[in-house]
Amino acid sequence: MHRFIINKQQQNNGDFEVHNATTGCSFMPQLQNQVELGFHDDCSGAVAKAKAANPTLRINGCYYCCRACHTS
């Protein structure tokens, strides 16, 4: 299982990105901008949890560390 976080800083395109904190990422947000999503088998579970908690936000997987969940 991997630990995931979401960046609470909105990207230029309007997305809030989910990152894999276990594998790390060159584009990982600073600690103060990370919101814990917990442990999941894959990014799909983490993105689903983030969307359930924030239904009005555009949530997307990071292109670099959560490519399977990256949609825009």
PDB file of N, CA and C in Angstrom:
ATOM      1  N   MET A   1       0.852  -1.185   0.000  1.00  0.00           N
ATOM      2  CA  MET A   1       0.000   0.000   0.000  1.00  0.00           C
ATOM      3  C   MET A   1       0.888   1.236   0.000  1.00  0.00           C
ATOM      4  N   HIS A   2       0.372   2.270  -0.612  1.00  0.00           N
ATOM      5  CA  HIS A   2       1.106   3.518  -0.725  1.00  0.00           C
ATOM      6  C   HIS A   2       0.353   4.624   0.009  1.00  0.00           C
ATOM      7  N   ARG A   3       1.113   5.614   0.486  1.00  0.00           N
ATOM      8  CA  ARG A   3       0.523   6.759   1.170  1.00  0.00           C
ATOM      9  C   ARG A   3       0.377   7.891   0.151  1.00  0.00           C
ATOM     10  N   PHE A   4      -0.793   8.513   0.141  1.00  0.00           N
ATOM     11  CA  PHE A   4      -1.090   9.585  -0.809  1.00  0.00           C
ATOM     12  C   PHE A   4      -1.439  10.874  -0.073  1.00  0.00           C
ATOM     13  N   ILE A   5      -1.155  11.979  -0.744  1.00  0.00           N
ATOM     14  CA  ILE A   5      -1.526  13.307  -0.238  1.00  0.00           C
ATOM     15  C   ILE A   5      -2.152  14.084  -1.390  1.00  0.00           C
ATOM     16  N   ILE A   6      -2.837  15.153  -1.044  1.00  0.00           N
ATOM     17  CA  ILE A   6      -3.330  16.069  -2.064  1.00  0.00           C
ATOM     18  C   ILE A   6      -2.741  17.441  -1.779  1.00  0.00           C
ATOM     19  N   ASN A   7      -2.398  18.135  -2.833  1.00  0.00           N
ATOM     20  CA  ASN A   7      -1.868  19.489  -2.723  1.00  0.00           C
ATOM     21  C   ASN A   7      -3.042  20.442  -2.512  1.00  0.00           C
ATOM     22  N   LYS A   8      -3.012  21.204  -1.430  1.00  0.00           N
ATOM     23  CA  LYS A   8      -4.116  22.139  -1.194  1.00  0.00           C
ATOM     24  C   LYS A   8      -3.961  23.436  -1.974  1.00  0.00           C
ATOM     25  N   GLN A   9      -2.875  23.555  -2.733  1.00  0.00           N
ATOM     26  CA  GLN A   9      -2.678  24.680  -3.640  1.00  0.00           C
ATOM     27  C   GLN A   9      -3.202  24.297  -5.022  1.00  0.00           C
ATOM     28  N   GLN A  10      -4.088  25.063  -5.549  1.00  0.00           N
ATOM     29  CA  GLN A  10      -4.680  24.789  -6.859  1.00  0.00           C
ATOM     30  C   GLN A  10      -3.657  25.030  -7.968  1.00  0.00           C
ATOM     31  N   GLN A  11      -3.635  24.154  -8.960  1.00  0.00           N
ATOM     32  CA  GLN A  11      -2.755  24.298 -10.109  1.00  0.00           C
ATOM     33  C   GLN A  11      -3.302  25.373 -11.047  1.00  0.00           C
ATOM     34  N   ASN A  12      -2.484  25.824 -11.986  1.00  0.00           N
ATOM     35  CA  ASN A  12      -2.902  26.867 -12.938  1.00  0.00           C
ATOM     36  C   ASN A  12      -4.126  26.468 -13.754  1.00  0.00           C
ATOM     37  N   ASN A  13      -4.300  25.164 -14.001  1.00  0.00           N
ATOM     38  CA  ASN A  13      -5.438  24.701 -14.793  1.00  0.00           C
ATOM     39  C   ASN A  13      -6.691  24.463 -13.947  1.00  0.00           C
ATOM     40  N   GLY A  14      -6.627  24.727 -12.648  1.00  0.00           N
ATOM     41  CA  GLY A  14      -7.786  24.572 -11.773  1.00  0.00           C
ATOM     42  C   GLY A  14      -7.827  23.275 -10.991  1.00  0.00           C
ATOM     43  N   ASP A  15      -6.914  22.358 -11.278  1.00  0.00           N
ATOM     44  CA  ASP A  15      -6.883  21.057 -10.595  1.00  0.00           C
ATOM     45  C   ASP A  15      -6.189  21.139  -9.236  1.00  0.00           C
ATOM     46  N   PHE A  16      -6.596  20.232  -8.368  1.00  0.00           N
ATOM     47  CA  PHE A  16      -5.881  19.948  -7.132  1.00  0.00           C
ATOM     48  C   PHE A  16      -5.297  18.555  -7.326  1.00  0.00           C
ATOM     49  N   GLU A  17      -3.975  18.421  -7.209  1.00  0.00           N
ATOM     50  CA  GLU A  17      -3.306  17.179  -7.579  1.00  0.00           C
ATOM     51  C   GLU A  17      -3.046  16.253  -6.395  1.00  0.00           C
ATOM     52  N   VAL A  18      -3.298  14.961  -6.652  1.00  0.00           N
ATOM     53  CA  VAL A  18      -2.977  13.893  -5.710  1.00  0.00           C
ATOM     54  C   VAL A  18      -1.576  13.393  -6.042  1.00  0.00           C
ATOM     55  N   HIS A  19      -0.753  13.189  -4.996  1.00  0.00           N
ATOM     56  CA  HIS A  19       0.619  12.713  -5.157  1.00  0.00           C
ATOM     57  C   HIS A  19       0.853  11.457  -4.326  1.00  0.00           C
ATOM     58  N   ASN A  20       1.754  10.606  -4.806  1.00  0.00           N
ATOM     59  CA  ASN A  20       2.158   9.402  -4.090  1.00  0.00           C
ATOM     60  C   ASN A  20       3.314   9.769  -3.170  1.00  0.00           C
ATOM     61  N   ALA A  21       3.056   9.828  -1.874  1.00  0.00           N
ATOM     62  CA  ALA A  21       4.077  10.213  -0.903  1.00  0.00           C
ATOM     63  C   ALA A  21       5.033   9.067  -0.611  1.00  0.00           C
ATOM     64  N   THR A  22       4.652   7.850  -0.921  1.00  0.00           N
ATOM     65  CA  THR A  22       5.529   6.703  -0.681  1.00  0.00           C
ATOM     66  C   THR A  22       6.659   6.659  -1.698  1.00  0.00           C
ATOM     67  N   THR A  23       6.331   6.820  -2.964  1.00  0.00           N
ATOM     68  CA  THR A  23       7.365   6.776  -4.000  1.00  0.00           C
ATOM     69  C   THR A  23       8.051   8.122  -4.166  1.00  0.00           C
ATOM     70  N   GLY A  24       7.384   9.178  -3.732  1.00  0.00           N
ATOM     71  CA  GLY A  24       7.936  10.511  -3.883  1.00  0.00           C
ATOM     72  C   GLY A  24       7.684  11.056  -5.278  1.00  0.00           C
ATOM     73  N   CYS A  25       7.966  12.328  -5.446  1.00  0.00           N
ATOM     74  CA  CYS A  25       7.686  12.991  -6.709  1.00  0.00           C
ATOM     75  C   CYS A  25       8.499  14.272  -6.780  1.00  0.00           C
ATOM     76  N   SER A  26       9.009  14.583  -7.936  1.00  0.00           N
ATOM     77  CA  SER A  26       9.747  15.826  -8.125  1.00  0.00           C
ATOM     78  C   SER A  26       8.855  17.047  -7.938  1.00  0.00           C
ATOM     79  N   PHE A  27       7.553  16.857  -8.048  1.00  0.00           N
ATOM     80  CA  PHE A  27       6.601  17.967  -7.953  1.00  0.00           C
ATOM     81  C   PHE A  27       5.758  17.895  -6.678  1.00  0.00           C
ATOM     82  N   MET A  28       6.268  17.220  -5.656  1.00  0.00           N
ATOM     83  CA  MET A  28       5.577  17.106  -4.376  1.00  0.00           C
ATOM     84  C   MET A  28       5.448  18.501  -3.755  1.00  0.00           C
ATOM     85  N   PRO A  29       4.264  18.860  -3.283  1.00  0.00           N
ATOM     86  CA  PRO A  29       4.101  20.177  -2.666  1.00  0.00           C
ATOM     87  C   PRO A  29       4.850  20.261  -1.332  1.00  0.00           C
ATOM     88  N   GLN A  30       5.099  21.480  -0.887  1.00  0.00           N
ATOM     89  CA  GLN A  30       5.720  21.688   0.412  1.00  0.00           C
ATOM     90  C   GLN A  30       4.820  21.110   1.494  1.00  0.00           C
ATOM     91  N   LEU A  31       5.426  20.709   2.614  1.00  0.00           N
ATOM     92  CA  LEU A  31       4.679  20.050   3.694  1.00  0.00           C
ATOM     93  C   LEU A  31       3.446  20.834   4.125  1.00  0.00           C
ATOM     94  N   GLN A  32       3.552  22.142   4.208  1.00  0.00           N
ATOM     95  CA  GLN A  32       2.403  22.931   4.672  1.00  0.00           C
ATOM     96  C   GLN A  32       1.246  22.932   3.677  1.00  0.00           C
ATOM     97  N   ASN A  33       1.483  22.492   2.447  1.00  0.00           N
ATOM     98  CA  ASN A  33       0.430  22.425   1.428  1.00  0.00           C
ATOM     99  C   ASN A  33      -0.071  21.007   1.182  1.00  0.00           C
ATOM    100  N   GLN A  34       0.360  20.059   2.006  1.00  0.00           N
ATOM    101  CA  GLN A  34      -0.058  18.666   1.839  1.00  0.00           C
ATOM    102  C   GLN A  34      -1.204  18.328   2.788  1.00  0.00           C
ATOM    103  N   VAL A  35      -2.218  17.661   2.233  1.00  0.00           N
ATOM    104  CA  VAL A  35      -3.326  17.146   3.032  1.00  0.00           C
ATOM    105  C   VAL A  35      -3.292  15.627   2.899  1.00  0.00           C
ATOM    106  N   GLU A  36      -3.242  14.954   4.004  1.00  0.00           N
ATOM    107  CA  GLU A  36      -3.117  13.500   4.047  1.00  0.00           C
ATOM    108  C   GLU A  36      -4.378  12.817   3.515  1.00  0.00           C
ATOM    109  N   LEU A  37      -4.184  11.837   2.641  1.00  0.00           N
ATOM    110  CA  LEU A  37      -5.298  11.012   2.136  1.00  0.00           C
ATOM    111  C   LEU A  37      -5.221   9.583   2.645  1.00  0.00           C
ATOM    112  N   GLY A  38      -4.133   9.235   3.312  1.00  0.00           N
ATOM    113  CA  GLY A  38      -3.992   7.901   3.878  1.00  0.00           C
ATOM    114  C   GLY A  38      -3.379   6.911   2.908  1.00  0.00           C
ATOM    115  N   PHE A  39      -3.491   5.633   3.267  1.00  0.00           N
ATOM    116  CA  PHE A  39      -2.897   4.542   2.495  1.00  0.00           C
ATOM    117  C   PHE A  39      -3.941   3.903   1.583  1.00  0.00           C
ATOM    118  N   HIS A  40      -3.544   3.665   0.342  1.00  0.00           N
ATOM    119  CA  HIS A  40      -4.434   3.070  -0.662  1.00  0.00           C
ATOM    120  C   HIS A  40      -3.623   2.111  -1.531  1.00  0.00           C
ATOM    121  N   ASP A  41      -4.305   1.157  -2.148  1.00  0.00           N
ATOM    122  CA  ASP A  41      -3.636   0.217  -3.049  1.00  0.00           C
ATOM    123  C   ASP A  41      -3.082   0.925  -4.278  1.00  0.00           C
ATOM    124  N   ASP A  42      -3.798   1.940  -4.734  1.00  0.00           N
ATOM    125  CA  ASP A  42      -3.366   2.674  -5.925  1.00  0.00           C
ATOM    126  C   ASP A  42      -3.947   4.080  -5.880  1.00  0.00           C
ATOM    127  N   CYS A  43      -3.616   4.878  -6.879  1.00  0.00           N
ATOM    128  CA  CYS A  43      -4.061   6.273  -6.883  1.00  0.00           C
ATOM    129  C   CYS A  43      -5.581   6.406  -7.016  1.00  0.00           C
ATOM    130  N   SER A  44      -6.231   5.423  -7.597  1.00  0.00           N
ATOM    131  CA  SER A  44      -7.695   5.509  -7.775  1.00  0.00           C
ATOM    132  C   SER A  44      -8.417   5.664  -6.447  1.00  0.00           C
ATOM    133  N   GLY A  45      -7.996   4.895  -5.464  1.00  0.00           N
ATOM    134  CA  GLY A  45      -8.610   4.987  -4.140  1.00  0.00           C
ATOM    135  C   GLY A  45      -8.370   6.336  -3.491  1.00  0.00           C
ATOM    136  N   ALA A  46      -7.156   6.857  -3.670  1.00  0.00           N
ATOM    137  CA  ALA A  46      -6.814   8.160  -3.095  1.00  0.00           C
ATOM    138  C   ALA A  46      -7.599   9.280  -3.761  1.00  0.00           C
ATOM    139  N   VAL A  47      -7.709   9.234  -5.082  1.00  0.00           N
ATOM    140  CA  VAL A  47      -8.468  10.254  -5.808  1.00  0.00           C
ATOM    141  C   VAL A  47      -9.946  10.173  -5.421  1.00  0.00           C
ATOM    142  N   ALA A  48     -10.482   8.975  -5.302  1.00  0.00           N
ATOM    143  CA  ALA A  48     -11.883   8.804  -4.903  1.00  0.00           C
ATOM    144  C   ALA A  48     -12.134   9.383  -3.516  1.00  0.00           C
ATOM    145  N   LYS A  49     -11.201   9.155  -2.596  1.00  0.00           N
ATOM    146  CA  LYS A  49     -11.357   9.699  -1.246  1.00  0.00           C
ATOM    147  C   LYS A  49     -11.325  11.224  -1.285  1.00  0.00           C
ATOM    148  N   ALA A  50     -10.405  11.786  -2.037  1.00  0.00           N
ATOM    149  CA  ALA A  50     -10.299  13.239  -2.141  1.00  0.00           C
ATOM    150  C   ALA A  50     -11.558  13.842  -2.760  1.00  0.00           C
ATOM    151  N   LYS A  51     -12.087  13.190  -3.796  1.00  0.00           N
ATOM    152  CA  LYS A  51     -13.300  13.692  -4.447  1.00  0.00           C
ATOM    153  C   LYS A  51     -14.508  13.592  -3.527  1.00  0.00           C
ATOM    154  N   ALA A  52     -14.596  12.528  -2.742  1.00  0.00           N
ATOM    155  CA  ALA A  52     -15.718  12.367  -1.813  1.00  0.00           C
ATOM    156  C   ALA A  52     -15.697  13.455  -0.736  1.00  0.00           C
ATOM    157  N   ALA A  53     -14.494  13.838  -0.295  1.00  0.00           N
ATOM    158  CA  ALA A  53     -14.365  14.864   0.737  1.00  0.00           C
ATOM    159  C   ALA A  53     -14.492  16.279   0.174  1.00  0.00           C
ATOM    160  N   ASN A  54     -14.278  16.413  -1.135  1.00  0.00           N
ATOM    161  CA  ASN A  54     -14.285  17.731  -1.782  1.00  0.00           C
ATOM    162  C   ASN A  54     -15.031  17.666  -3.116  1.00  0.00           C
ATOM    163  N   PRO A  55     -16.337  17.426  -3.092  1.00  0.00           N
ATOM    164  CA  PRO A  55     -17.072  17.171  -4.336  1.00  0.00           C
ATOM    165  C   PRO A  55     -17.121  18.339  -5.322  1.00  0.00           C
ATOM    166  N   THR A  56     -16.844  19.544  -4.873  1.00  0.00           N
ATOM    167  CA  THR A  56     -16.921  20.691  -5.782  1.00  0.00           C
ATOM    168  C   THR A  56     -15.573  21.032  -6.425  1.00  0.00           C
ATOM    169  N   LEU A  57     -14.501  20.364  -5.997  1.00  0.00           N
ATOM    170  CA  LEU A  57     -13.167  20.655  -6.526  1.00  0.00           C
ATOM    171  C   LEU A  57     -12.816  19.732  -7.691  1.00  0.00           C
ATOM    172  N   ARG A  58     -11.978  20.226  -8.591  1.00  0.00           N
ATOM    173  CA  ARG A  58     -11.417  19.405  -9.674  1.00  0.00           C
ATOM    174  C   ARG A  58     -10.173  18.721  -9.126  1.00  0.00           C
ATOM    175  N   ILE A  59     -10.246  17.408  -8.978  1.00  0.00           N
ATOM    176  CA  ILE A  59      -9.151  16.634  -8.399  1.00  0.00           C
ATOM    177  C   ILE A  59      -8.607  15.692  -9.454  1.00  0.00           C
ATOM    178  N   ASN A  60      -7.283  15.635  -9.521  1.00  0.00           N
ATOM    179  CA  ASN A  60      -6.606  14.916 -10.584  1.00  0.00           C
ATOM    180  C   ASN A  60      -5.347  14.276 -10.012  1.00  0.00           C
ATOM    181  N   GLY A  61      -4.916  13.177 -10.595  1.00  0.00           N
ATOM    182  CA  GLY A  61      -3.651  12.573 -10.209  1.00  0.00           C
ATOM    183  C   GLY A  61      -2.492  13.298 -10.869  1.00  0.00           C
ATOM    184  N   CYS A  62      -1.370  13.362 -10.178  1.00  0.00           N
ATOM    185  CA  CYS A  62      -0.163  13.982 -10.722  1.00  0.00           C
ATOM    186  C   CYS A  62       0.320  13.194 -11.942  1.00  0.00           C
ATOM    187  N   TYR A  63       0.685  13.896 -12.979  1.00  0.00           N
ATOM    188  CA  TYR A  63       1.185  13.263 -14.206  1.00  0.00           C
ATOM    189  C   TYR A  63       2.430  12.423 -13.937  1.00  0.00           C
ATOM    190  N   TYR A  64       3.260  12.833 -12.989  1.00  0.00           N
ATOM    191  CA  TYR A  64       4.550  12.181 -12.750  1.00  0.00           C
ATOM    192  C   TYR A  64       4.486  11.014 -11.765  1.00  0.00           C
ATOM    193  N   CYS A  65       3.695  11.116 -10.722  1.00  0.00           N
ATOM    194  CA  CYS A  65       3.695  10.027  -9.729  1.00  0.00           C
ATOM    195  C   CYS A  65       2.361   9.290  -9.627  1.00  0.00           C
ATOM    196  N   CYS A  66       1.329   9.779 -10.282  1.00  0.00           N
ATOM    197  CA  CYS A  66       0.001   9.125 -10.275  1.00  0.00           C
ATOM    198  C   CYS A  66      -0.565   9.152 -11.695  1.00  0.00           C
ATOM    199  N   ARG A  67       0.251   8.781 -12.649  1.00  0.00           N
ATOM    200  CA  ARG A  67      -0.115   8.903 -14.065  1.00  0.00           C
ATOM    201  C   ARG A  67      -1.407   8.158 -14.415  1.00  0.00           C
ATOM    202  N   ALA A  68      -1.654   7.023 -13.764  1.00  0.00           N
ATOM    203  CA  ALA A  68      -2.876   6.257 -14.060  1.00  0.00           C
ATOM    204  C   ALA A  68      -4.136   7.052 -13.708  1.00  0.00           C
ATOM    205  N   CYS A  69      -4.004   8.041 -12.848  1.00  0.00           N
ATOM    206  CA  CYS A  69      -5.147   8.855 -12.429  1.00  0.00           C
ATOM    207  C   CYS A  69      -5.098  10.270 -12.984  1.00  0.00           C
ATOM    208  N   HIS A  70      -4.159  10.526 -13.860  1.00  0.00           N
ATOM    209  CA  HIS A  70      -4.018  11.866 -14.442  1.00  0.00           C
ATOM    210  C   HIS A  70      -4.975  11.988 -15.639  1.00  0.00           C
ATOM    211  N   THR A  71      -5.847  12.994 -15.586  1.00  0.00           N
ATOM    212  CA  THR A  71      -6.836  13.156 -16.647  1.00  0.00           C
ATOM    213  C   THR A  71      -6.757  14.487 -17.365  1.00  0.00           C
ATOM    214  N   SER A  72      -6.102  15.469 -16.768  1.00  0.00           N
ATOM    215  CA  SER A  72      -6.017  16.782 -17.434  1.00  0.00           C
ATOM    216  C   SER A  72      -4.744  17.511 -17.059  1.00  0.00           C
TER     217      SER A  72
END
